[in-house]
Amino acid sequence: MLARPDPRPQAEASPELRIAFARYDEDGDGRITFGEFVLLLAELGDELSHPEKLLAFDATDTNGDGVIDYDEFAAWWDDA
């Protein structure tokens, strides 16, 4: 589950994807934390171990800043 950069500018992102991102960005800070990512995975019916969740998060956080921003989320969502 490797993420790739989203080639679309944010302005062209689908409204549905923006809504999905906002749903999982529980505190509305424009970033998905590991805790929020775990909740997202749970809603999707994940059966990953904690180490697998960490790997998935790190693969999605392509810039390595410790959170998933909208562009990273969009690239991951498109891969899913």
PDB file of N, CA and C in Angstrom:
ATOM      1  N   MET A   1       0.835  -1.154   0.000  1.00  0.00           N
ATOM      2  CA  MET A   1       0.000   0.000   0.000  1.00  0.00           C
ATOM      3  C   MET A   1       0.891   1.233   0.000  1.00  0.00           C
ATOM      4  N   LEU A   2       1.620   1.462  -1.037  1.00  0.00           N
ATOM      5  CA  LEU A   2       2.477   2.622  -1.151  1.00  0.00           C
ATOM      6  C   LEU A   2       1.711   3.774  -1.756  1.00  0.00           C
ATOM      7  N   ALA A   3       1.877   4.922  -1.161  1.00  0.00           N
ATOM      8  CA  ALA A   3       1.192   6.106  -1.669  1.00  0.00           C
ATOM      9  C   ALA A   3       2.057   6.790  -2.713  1.00  0.00           C
ATOM     10  N   ARG A   4       1.393   7.444  -3.643  1.00  0.00           N
ATOM     11  CA  ARG A   4       2.112   8.227  -4.638  1.00  0.00           C
ATOM     12  C   ARG A   4       1.557   9.637  -4.607  1.00  0.00           C
ATOM     13  N   PRO A   5       2.334  10.605  -4.991  1.00  0.00           N
ATOM     14  CA  PRO A   5       1.827  11.982  -4.962  1.00  0.00           C
ATOM     15  C   PRO A   5       0.600  12.141  -5.843  1.00  0.00           C
ATOM     16  N   ASP A   6      -0.321  12.970  -5.394  1.00  0.00           N
ATOM     17  CA  ASP A   6      -1.533  13.253  -6.144  1.00  0.00           C
ATOM     18  C   ASP A   6      -1.204  14.309  -7.190  1.00  0.00           C
ATOM     19  N   PRO A   7      -1.340  13.975  -8.487  1.00  0.00           N
ATOM     20  CA  PRO A   7      -0.988  14.948  -9.523  1.00  0.00           C
ATOM     21  C   PRO A   7      -2.009  16.075  -9.676  1.00  0.00           C
ATOM     22  N   ARG A   8      -3.171  15.941  -9.056  1.00  0.00           N
ATOM     23  CA  ARG A   8      -4.205  16.967  -9.193  1.00  0.00           C
ATOM     24  C   ARG A   8      -3.977  18.091  -8.188  1.00  0.00           C
ATOM     25  N   PRO A   9      -4.095  19.316  -8.609  1.00  0.00           N
ATOM     26  CA  PRO A   9      -4.044  20.418  -7.644  1.00  0.00           C
ATOM     27  C   PRO A   9      -5.218  20.299  -6.679  1.00  0.00           C
ATOM     28  N   GLN A  10      -5.055  20.781  -5.457  1.00  0.00           N
ATOM     29  CA  GLN A  10      -6.122  20.675  -4.471  1.00  0.00           C
ATOM     30  C   GLN A  10      -7.428  21.293  -4.963  1.00  0.00           C
ATOM     31  N   ALA A  11      -7.355  22.343  -5.736  1.00  0.00           N
ATOM     32  CA  ALA A  11      -8.570  23.006  -6.215  1.00  0.00           C
ATOM     33  C   ALA A  11      -9.409  22.085  -7.088  1.00  0.00           C
ATOM     34  N   GLU A  12      -8.787  21.095  -7.717  1.00  0.00           N
ATOM     35  CA  GLU A  12      -9.518  20.197  -8.603  1.00  0.00           C
ATOM     36  C   GLU A  12      -9.972  18.921  -7.895  1.00  0.00           C
ATOM     37  N   ALA A  13      -9.715  18.802  -6.612  1.00  0.00           N
ATOM     38  CA  ALA A  13     -10.091  17.606  -5.876  1.00  0.00           C
ATOM     39  C   ALA A  13     -11.610  17.477  -5.819  1.00  0.00           C
ATOM     40  N   SER A  14     -12.075  16.242  -5.788  1.00  0.00           N
ATOM     41  CA  SER A  14     -13.515  16.024  -5.759  1.00  0.00           C
ATOM     42  C   SER A  14     -14.098  16.433  -4.408  1.00  0.00           C
ATOM     43  N   PRO A  15     -15.298  16.975  -4.419  1.00  0.00           N
ATOM     44  CA  PRO A  15     -15.943  17.334  -3.149  1.00  0.00           C
ATOM     45  C   PRO A  15     -16.129  16.119  -2.241  1.00  0.00           C
ATOM     46  N   GLU A  16     -16.397  14.959  -2.823  1.00  0.00           N
ATOM     47  CA  GLU A  16     -16.596  13.751  -2.028  1.00  0.00           C
ATOM     48  C   GLU A  16     -15.328  13.379  -1.270  1.00  0.00           C
ATOM     49  N   LEU A  17     -14.185  13.541  -1.931  1.00  0.00           N
ATOM     50  CA  LEU A  17     -12.917  13.219  -1.284  1.00  0.00           C
ATOM     51  C   LEU A  17     -12.619  14.209  -0.164  1.00  0.00           C
ATOM     52  N   ARG A  18     -12.939  15.479  -0.388  1.00  0.00           N
ATOM     53  CA  ARG A  18     -12.776  16.494   0.666  1.00  0.00           C
ATOM     54  C   ARG A  18     -13.638  16.146   1.886  1.00  0.00           C
ATOM     55  N   ILE A  19     -14.864  15.687   1.632  1.00  0.00           N
ATOM     56  CA  ILE A  19     -15.763  15.309   2.725  1.00  0.00           C
ATOM     57  C   ILE A  19     -15.191  14.107   3.477  1.00  0.00           C
ATOM     58  N   ALA A  20     -14.682  13.128   2.745  1.00  0.00           N
ATOM     59  CA  ALA A  20     -14.084  11.949   3.388  1.00  0.00           C
ATOM     60  C   ALA A  20     -12.895  12.365   4.251  1.00  0.00           C
ATOM     61  N   PHE A  21     -12.037  13.237   3.724  1.00  0.00           N
ATOM     62  CA  PHE A  21     -10.884  13.690   4.500  1.00  0.00           C
ATOM     63  C   PHE A  21     -11.350  14.387   5.774  1.00  0.00           C
ATOM     64  N   ALA A  22     -12.310  15.275   5.650  1.00  0.00           N
ATOM     65  CA  ALA A  22     -12.808  16.019   6.810  1.00  0.00           C
ATOM     66  C   ALA A  22     -13.425  15.080   7.845  1.00  0.00           C
ATOM     67  N   ARG A  23     -14.041  14.015   7.389  1.00  0.00           N
ATOM     68  CA  ARG A  23     -14.652  13.051   8.317  1.00  0.00           C
ATOM     69  C   ARG A  23     -13.610  12.414   9.216  1.00  0.00           C
ATOM     70  N   TYR A  24     -12.450  12.114   8.656  1.00  0.00           N
ATOM     71  CA  TYR A  24     -11.410  11.445   9.432  1.00  0.00           C
ATOM     72  C   TYR A  24     -10.462  12.421  10.116  1.00  0.00           C
ATOM     73  N   ASP A  25     -10.452  13.656   9.691  1.00  0.00           N
ATOM     74  CA  ASP A  25      -9.674  14.706  10.350  1.00  0.00           C
ATOM     75  C   ASP A  25     -10.530  15.237  11.493  1.00  0.00           C
ATOM     76  N   GLU A  26     -10.615  14.467  12.565  1.00  0.00           N
ATOM     77  CA  GLU A  26     -11.572  14.732  13.632  1.00  0.00           C
ATOM     78  C   GLU A  26     -11.427  16.101  14.284  1.00  0.00           C
ATOM     79  N   ASP A  27     -10.201  16.598  14.412  1.00  0.00           N
ATOM     80  CA  ASP A  27     -10.035  17.887  15.074  1.00  0.00           C
ATOM     81  C   ASP A  27     -10.014  19.060  14.093  1.00  0.00           C
ATOM     82  N   GLY A  28     -10.150  18.762  12.786  1.00  0.00           N
ATOM     83  CA  GLY A  28     -10.275  19.802  11.780  1.00  0.00           C
ATOM     84  C   GLY A  28      -9.022  20.621  11.535  1.00  0.00           C
ATOM     85  N   ASP A  29      -7.853  20.063  11.877  1.00  0.00           N
ATOM     86  CA  ASP A  29      -6.609  20.821  11.699  1.00  0.00           C
ATOM     87  C   ASP A  29      -5.977  20.649  10.323  1.00  0.00           C
ATOM     88  N   GLY A  30      -6.657  19.916   9.431  1.00  0.00           N
ATOM     89  CA  GLY A  30      -6.130  19.731   8.077  1.00  0.00           C
ATOM     90  C   GLY A  30      -5.114  18.612   7.969  1.00  0.00           C
ATOM     91  N   ARG A  31      -4.998  17.819   9.036  1.00  0.00           N
ATOM     92  CA  ARG A  31      -4.050  16.710   9.048  1.00  0.00           C
ATOM     93  C   ARG A  31      -4.680  15.520   9.755  1.00  0.00           C
ATOM     94  N   ILE A  32      -4.335  14.335   9.293  1.00  0.00           N
ATOM     95  CA  ILE A  32      -4.804  13.111   9.940  1.00  0.00           C
ATOM     96  C   ILE A  32      -3.641  12.537  10.737  1.00  0.00           C
ATOM     97  N   THR A  33      -3.854  12.404  12.037  1.00  0.00           N
ATOM     98  CA  THR A  33      -2.843  11.828  12.916  1.00  0.00           C
ATOM     99  C   THR A  33      -2.905  10.305  12.855  1.00  0.00           C
ATOM    100  N   PHE A  34      -1.946   9.658  13.488  1.00  0.00           N
ATOM    101  CA  PHE A  34      -1.977   8.207  13.517  1.00  0.00           C
ATOM    102  C   PHE A  34      -3.258   7.702  14.191  1.00  0.00           C
ATOM    103  N   GLY A  35      -3.657   8.331  15.278  1.00  0.00           N
ATOM    104  CA  GLY A  35      -4.888   7.924  15.962  1.00  0.00           C
ATOM    105  C   GLY A  35      -6.114   8.044  15.070  1.00  0.00           C
ATOM    106  N   GLU A  36      -6.199   9.139  14.326  1.00  0.00           N
ATOM    107  CA  GLU A  36      -7.312   9.324  13.399  1.00  0.00           C
ATOM    108  C   GLU A  36      -7.240   8.306  12.265  1.00  0.00           C
ATOM    109  N   PHE A  37      -6.026   7.982  11.819  1.00  0.00           N
ATOM    110  CA  PHE A  37      -5.838   6.987  10.764  1.00  0.00           C
ATOM    111  C   PHE A  37      -6.301   5.614  11.231  1.00  0.00           C
ATOM    112  N   VAL A  38      -6.010   5.269  12.478  1.00  0.00           N
ATOM    113  CA  VAL A  38      -6.443   3.982  13.040  1.00  0.00           C
ATOM    114  C   VAL A  38      -7.966   3.911  13.046  1.00  0.00           C
ATOM    115  N   LEU A  39      -8.633   5.005  13.403  1.00  0.00           N
ATOM    116  CA  LEU A  39     -10.105   5.033  13.381  1.00  0.00           C
ATOM    117  C   LEU A  39     -10.635   4.868  11.961  1.00  0.00           C
ATOM    118  N   LEU A  40      -9.965   5.516  11.002  1.00  0.00           N
ATOM    119  CA  LEU A  40     -10.336   5.381   9.595  1.00  0.00           C
ATOM    120  C   LEU A  40     -10.233   3.911   9.167  1.00  0.00           C
ATOM    121  N   LEU A  41      -9.113   3.287   9.500  1.00  0.00           N
ATOM    122  CA  LEU A  41      -8.923   1.875   9.136  1.00  0.00           C
ATOM    123  C   LEU A  41      -9.992   0.992   9.774  1.00  0.00           C
ATOM    124  N   ALA A  42     -10.331   1.271  11.019  1.00  0.00           N
ATOM    125  CA  ALA A  42     -11.359   0.486  11.712  1.00  0.00           C
ATOM    126  C   ALA A  42     -12.693   0.597  10.991  1.00  0.00           C
ATOM    127  N   GLU A  43     -13.040   1.801  10.549  1.00  0.00           N
ATOM    128  CA  GLU A  43     -14.299   1.984   9.803  1.00  0.00           C
ATOM    129  C   GLU A  43     -14.287   1.224   8.483  1.00  0.00           C
ATOM    130  N   LEU A  44     -13.091   1.059   7.919  1.00  0.00           N
ATOM    131  CA  LEU A  44     -12.976   0.320   6.665  1.00  0.00           C
ATOM    132  C   LEU A  44     -12.884  -1.188   6.889  1.00  0.00           C
ATOM    133  N   GLY A  45     -12.962  -1.611   8.160  1.00  0.00           N
ATOM    134  CA  GLY A  45     -12.956  -3.034   8.473  1.00  0.00           C
ATOM    135  C   GLY A  45     -11.575  -3.655   8.508  1.00  0.00           C
ATOM    136  N   ASP A  46     -10.570  -2.893   8.916  1.00  0.00           N
ATOM    137  CA  ASP A  46      -9.206  -3.403   8.894  1.00  0.00           C
ATOM    138  C   ASP A  46      -9.008  -4.554   9.862  1.00  0.00           C
ATOM    139  N   GLU A  47      -8.096  -5.412   9.517  1.00  0.00           N
ATOM    140  CA  GLU A  47      -7.677  -6.507  10.392  1.00  0.00           C
ATOM    141  C   GLU A  47      -6.159  -6.493  10.491  1.00  0.00           C
ATOM    142  N   LEU A  48      -5.583  -5.294  10.475  1.00  0.00           N
ATOM    143  CA  LEU A  48      -4.138  -5.149  10.527  1.00  0.00           C
ATOM    144  C   LEU A  48      -3.649  -5.177  11.968  1.00  0.00           C
ATOM    145  N   SER A  49      -2.451  -5.692  12.155  1.00  0.00           N
ATOM    146  CA  SER A  49      -1.811  -5.621  13.463  1.00  0.00           C
ATOM    147  C   SER A  49      -1.336  -4.188  13.692  1.00  0.00           C
ATOM    148  N   HIS A  50      -0.981  -3.864  14.916  1.00  0.00           N
ATOM    149  CA  HIS A  50      -0.485  -2.522  15.194  1.00  0.00           C
ATOM    150  C   HIS A  50       0.759  -2.195  14.361  1.00  0.00           C
ATOM    151  N   PRO A  51       1.740  -3.105  14.258  1.00  0.00           N
ATOM    152  CA  PRO A  51       2.892  -2.809  13.402  1.00  0.00           C
ATOM    153  C   PRO A  51       2.510  -2.594  11.934  1.00  0.00           C
ATOM    154  N   GLU A  52       1.526  -3.324  11.438  1.00  0.00           N
ATOM    155  CA  GLU A  52       1.073  -3.140  10.054  1.00  0.00           C
ATOM    156  C   GLU A  52       0.395  -1.775   9.879  1.00  0.00           C
ATOM    157  N   LYS A  53      -0.332  -1.333  10.900  1.00  0.00           N
ATOM    158  CA  LYS A  53      -0.967  -0.013  10.851  1.00  0.00           C
ATOM    159  C   LYS A  53       0.110   1.079  10.804  1.00  0.00           C
ATOM    160  N   LEU A  54       1.157   0.902  11.598  1.00  0.00           N
ATOM    161  CA  LEU A  54       2.260   1.860  11.581  1.00  0.00           C
ATOM    162  C   LEU A  54       2.917   1.921  10.206  1.00  0.00           C
ATOM    163  N   LEU A  55       3.125   0.754   9.607  1.00  0.00           N
ATOM    164  CA  LEU A  55       3.720   0.713   8.267  1.00  0.00           C
ATOM    165  C   LEU A  55       2.816   1.398   7.242  1.00  0.00           C
ATOM    166  N   ALA A  56       1.519   1.132   7.321  1.00  0.00           N
ATOM    167  CA  ALA A  56       0.572   1.756   6.390  1.00  0.00           C
ATOM    168  C   ALA A  56       0.562   3.267   6.571  1.00  0.00           C
ATOM    169  N   PHE A  57       0.594   3.721   7.824  1.00  0.00           N
ATOM    170  CA  PHE A  57       0.614   5.158   8.092  1.00  0.00           C
ATOM    171  C   PHE A  57       1.886   5.788   7.526  1.00  0.00           C
ATOM    172  N   ASP A  58       3.021   5.157   7.813  1.00  0.00           N
ATOM    173  CA  ASP A  58       4.298   5.692   7.325  1.00  0.00           C
ATOM    174  C   ASP A  58       4.354   5.713   5.800  1.00  0.00           C
ATOM    175  N   ALA A  59       3.774   4.713   5.151  1.00  0.00           N
ATOM    176  CA  ALA A  59       3.754   4.677   3.684  1.00  0.00           C
ATOM    177  C   ALA A  59       2.864   5.783   3.124  1.00  0.00           C
ATOM    178  N   THR A  60       1.804   6.119   3.841  1.00  0.00           N
ATOM    179  CA  THR A  60       0.882   7.164   3.394  1.00  0.00           C
ATOM    180  C   THR A  60       1.442   8.550   3.661  1.00  0.00           C
ATOM    181  N   ASP A  61       2.170   8.690   4.753  1.00  0.00           N
ATOM    182  CA  ASP A  61       2.807   9.962   5.122  1.00  0.00           C
ATOM    183  C   ASP A  61       4.089  10.122   4.308  1.00  0.00           C
ATOM    184  N   THR A  62       3.938  10.433   3.042  1.00  0.00           N
ATOM    185  CA  THR A  62       5.066  10.406   2.119  1.00  0.00           C
ATOM    186  C   THR A  62       6.117  11.480   2.392  1.00  0.00           C
ATOM    187  N   ASN A  63       5.743  12.580   3.045  1.00  0.00           N
ATOM    188  CA  ASN A  63       6.755  13.600   3.338  1.00  0.00           C
ATOM    189  C   ASN A  63       7.389  13.411   4.708  1.00  0.00           C
ATOM    190  N   GLY A  64       6.931  12.407   5.460  1.00  0.00           N
ATOM    191  CA  GLY A  64       7.552  12.041   6.723  1.00  0.00           C
ATOM    192  C   GLY A  64       7.391  13.035   7.855  1.00  0.00           C
ATOM    193  N   ASP A  65       6.343  13.870   7.804  1.00  0.00           N
ATOM    194  CA  ASP A  65       6.168  14.852   8.869  1.00  0.00           C
ATOM    195  C   ASP A  65       5.338  14.351  10.046  1.00  0.00           C
ATOM    196  N   GLY A  66       4.936  13.072  10.013  1.00  0.00           N
ATOM    197  CA  GLY A  66       4.217  12.482  11.134  1.00  0.00           C
ATOM    198  C   GLY A  66       2.716  12.633  11.088  1.00  0.00           C
ATOM    199  N   VAL A  67       2.190  13.236  10.042  1.00  0.00           N
ATOM    200  CA  VAL A  67       0.746  13.372   9.835  1.00  0.00           C
ATOM    201  C   VAL A  67       0.449  13.186   8.352  1.00  0.00           C
ATOM    202  N   ILE A  68      -0.814  12.921   8.044  1.00  0.00           N
ATOM    203  CA  ILE A  68      -1.242  12.757   6.655  1.00  0.00           C
ATOM    204  C   ILE A  68      -2.022  13.995   6.258  1.00  0.00           C
ATOM    205  N   ASP A  69      -1.496  14.721   5.278  1.00  0.00           N
ATOM    206  CA  ASP A  69      -2.208  15.906   4.799  1.00  0.00           C
ATOM    207  C   ASP A  69      -3.174  15.488   3.682  1.00  0.00           C
ATOM    208  N   TYR A  70      -3.908  16.460   3.173  1.00  0.00           N
ATOM    209  CA  TYR A  70      -4.934  16.137   2.177  1.00  0.00           C
ATOM    210  C   TYR A  70      -4.351  15.464   0.939  1.00  0.00           C
ATOM    211  N   ASP A  71      -3.243  15.981   0.414  1.00  0.00           N
ATOM    212  CA  ASP A  71      -2.658  15.408  -0.799  1.00  0.00           C
ATOM    213  C   ASP A  71      -2.225  13.956  -0.585  1.00  0.00           C
ATOM    214  N   GLU A  72      -1.641  13.684   0.570  1.00  0.00           N
ATOM    215  CA  GLU A  72      -1.233  12.310   0.884  1.00  0.00           C
ATOM    216  C   GLU A  72      -2.459  11.407   1.018  1.00  0.00           C
ATOM    217  N   PHE A  73      -3.494  11.922   1.665  1.00  0.00           N
ATOM    218  CA  PHE A  73      -4.742  11.166   1.814  1.00  0.00           C
ATOM    219  C   PHE A  73      -5.346  10.853   0.450  1.00  0.00           C
ATOM    220  N   ALA A  74      -5.378  11.859  -0.431  1.00  0.00           N
ATOM    221  CA  ALA A  74      -5.972  11.674  -1.761  1.00  0.00           C
ATOM    222  C   ALA A  74      -5.212  10.611  -2.544  1.00  0.00           C
ATOM    223  N   ALA A  75      -3.897  10.637  -2.471  1.00  0.00           N
ATOM    224  CA  ALA A  75      -3.092   9.630  -3.189  1.00  0.00           C
ATOM    225  C   ALA A  75      -3.351   8.238  -2.624  1.00  0.00           C
ATOM    226  N   TRP A  76      -3.429   8.139  -1.289  1.00  0.00           N
ATOM    227  CA  TRP A  76      -3.688   6.849  -0.648  1.00  0.00           C
ATOM    228  C   TRP A  76      -5.091   6.355  -0.994  1.00  0.00           C
ATOM    229  N   TRP A  77      -6.075   7.238  -0.930  1.00  0.00           N
ATOM    230  CA  TRP A  77      -7.469   6.871  -1.211  1.00  0.00           C
ATOM    231  C   TRP A  77      -7.614   6.358  -2.638  1.00  0.00           C
ATOM    232  N   ASP A  78      -6.933   7.016  -3.579  1.00  0.00           N
ATOM    233  CA  ASP A  78      -6.981   6.576  -4.974  1.00  0.00           C
ATOM    234  C   ASP A  78      -6.340   5.200  -5.165  1.00  0.00           C
ATOM    235  N   ASP A  79      -5.346   4.877  -4.322  1.00  0.00           N
ATOM    236  CA  ASP A  79      -4.691   3.570  -4.398  1.00  0.00           C
ATOM    237  C   ASP A  79      -5.515   2.464  -3.775  1.00  0.00           C
ATOM    238  N   ALA A  80      -6.389   2.836  -2.837  1.00  0.00           N
ATOM    239  CA  ALA A  80      -7.157   1.835  -2.084  1.00  0.00           C
ATOM    240  C   ALA A  80      -8.179   1.140  -2.954  1.00  0.00           C
TER     241      ALA A  80
END
